[in-house]
């Protein structure tokens, strides 16, 4: 059973080299950038939310500095 499960894995540089030879450097780099961007988008960011929105979804409010304006993706001020 152990022999059936052992898999030979190439090093990362060898794998990237194979991908570059097969698809080209620019396509490989583009695919890597897209994968990184998709991973970046999956992380939930709540720092831009207003206190009103935070209350609505059950998060604690954040003390704002007096006169500080936050960015609102909906185009309204908090």
Protein backbone atom coordinates (compact mmCIF):
# COMPACT_ATOMS: atom_id res chain seq x y z
CA UNK A 1 0.00 0.00 0.00
CA UNK A 2 2.82 2.38 0.86
CA UNK A 3 4.47 1.90 -2.54
CA UNK A 4 1.20 2.69 -4.31
CA UNK A 5 0.84 5.98 -2.43
CA UNK A 6 4.34 7.29 -2.95
CA UNK A 7 4.29 9.99 -5.61
CA UNK A 8 7.32 11.58 -7.16
CA UNK A 9 6.97 15.34 -6.94
CA UNK A 10 9.19 17.65 -8.93
CA UNK A 11 10.59 20.79 -7.42
CA UNK A 12 8.66 24.04 -7.82
CA UNK A 13 11.22 25.54 -10.17
CA UNK A 14 11.04 22.48 -12.44
CA UNK A 15 7.24 22.67 -12.52
CA UNK A 16 7.26 26.39 -13.31
CA UNK A 17 9.86 25.78 -16.00
CA UNK A 18 7.64 23.11 -17.57
CA UNK A 19 4.64 25.45 -17.51
CA UNK A 20 6.67 28.24 -19.10
CA UNK A 21 7.87 25.93 -21.85
CA UNK A 22 4.39 24.60 -22.52
CA UNK A 23 2.32 27.82 -22.28
CA UNK A 24 4.86 30.63 -22.40
CA UNK A 25 6.20 32.97 -19.78
CA UNK A 26 3.50 35.64 -20.10
CA UNK A 27 0.58 33.21 -19.91
CA UNK A 28 2.11 31.51 -16.88
CA UNK A 29 2.73 34.84 -15.15
CA UNK A 30 -0.81 35.99 -15.97
CA UNK A 31 -2.30 32.80 -14.53
CA UNK A 32 -0.23 33.21 -11.36
CA UNK A 33 -1.31 36.85 -10.99
CA UNK A 34 -4.96 35.92 -11.51
CA UNK A 35 -4.74 33.16 -8.90
CA UNK A 36 -3.16 35.55 -6.41
CA UNK A 37 -5.80 38.21 -7.11
CA UNK A 38 -8.66 35.75 -6.64
CA UNK A 39 -7.18 34.67 -3.33
CA UNK A 40 -6.87 38.33 -2.32
CA UNK A 41 -10.53 38.93 -3.10
CA UNK A 42 -11.73 36.09 -0.89
CA UNK A 43 -10.42 37.73 2.26
CA UNK A 44 -13.21 39.68 3.96
CA UNK A 45 -12.27 43.23 4.82
CA UNK A 46 -14.43 45.08 7.33
CA UNK A 47 -12.22 48.09 8.02
CA UNK A 48 -14.18 50.31 5.61
CA UNK A 49 -17.60 49.60 7.12
CA UNK A 50 -19.45 52.34 8.97
CA UNK A 51 -20.59 51.90 12.55
CA UNK A 52 -24.18 51.68 11.35
CA UNK A 53 -23.35 48.75 9.06
CA UNK A 54 -21.29 47.13 11.82
CA UNK A 55 -24.29 47.30 14.19
CA UNK A 56 -26.56 45.83 11.51
CA UNK A 57 -24.38 42.74 11.06
CA UNK A 58 -23.54 42.34 14.74
CA UNK A 59 -19.97 43.63 14.85
CA UNK A 60 -18.65 45.95 17.55
CA UNK A 61 -18.48 49.64 16.70
CA UNK A 62 -15.17 51.39 16.15
CA UNK A 63 -14.33 54.72 17.76
CA UNK A 64 -13.65 57.20 14.98
CA UNK A 65 -11.41 60.19 15.30
CA UNK A 66 -13.42 63.41 15.33
CA UNK A 67 -13.96 64.66 11.80
CA UNK A 68 -12.49 61.60 10.12
CA UNK A 69 -14.30 60.72 6.91
CA UNK A 70 -14.37 57.07 5.89
CA UNK A 71 -14.60 55.72 2.39
CA UNK A 72 -18.02 54.33 1.62
CA UNK A 73 -18.37 52.05 -1.43
CA UNK A 74 -22.02 53.06 -1.75
CA UNK A 75 -21.24 56.75 -2.13
CA UNK A 76 -22.85 57.97 1.10
CA UNK A 77 -21.12 59.32 4.14
CA UNK A 78 -21.41 57.39 7.39
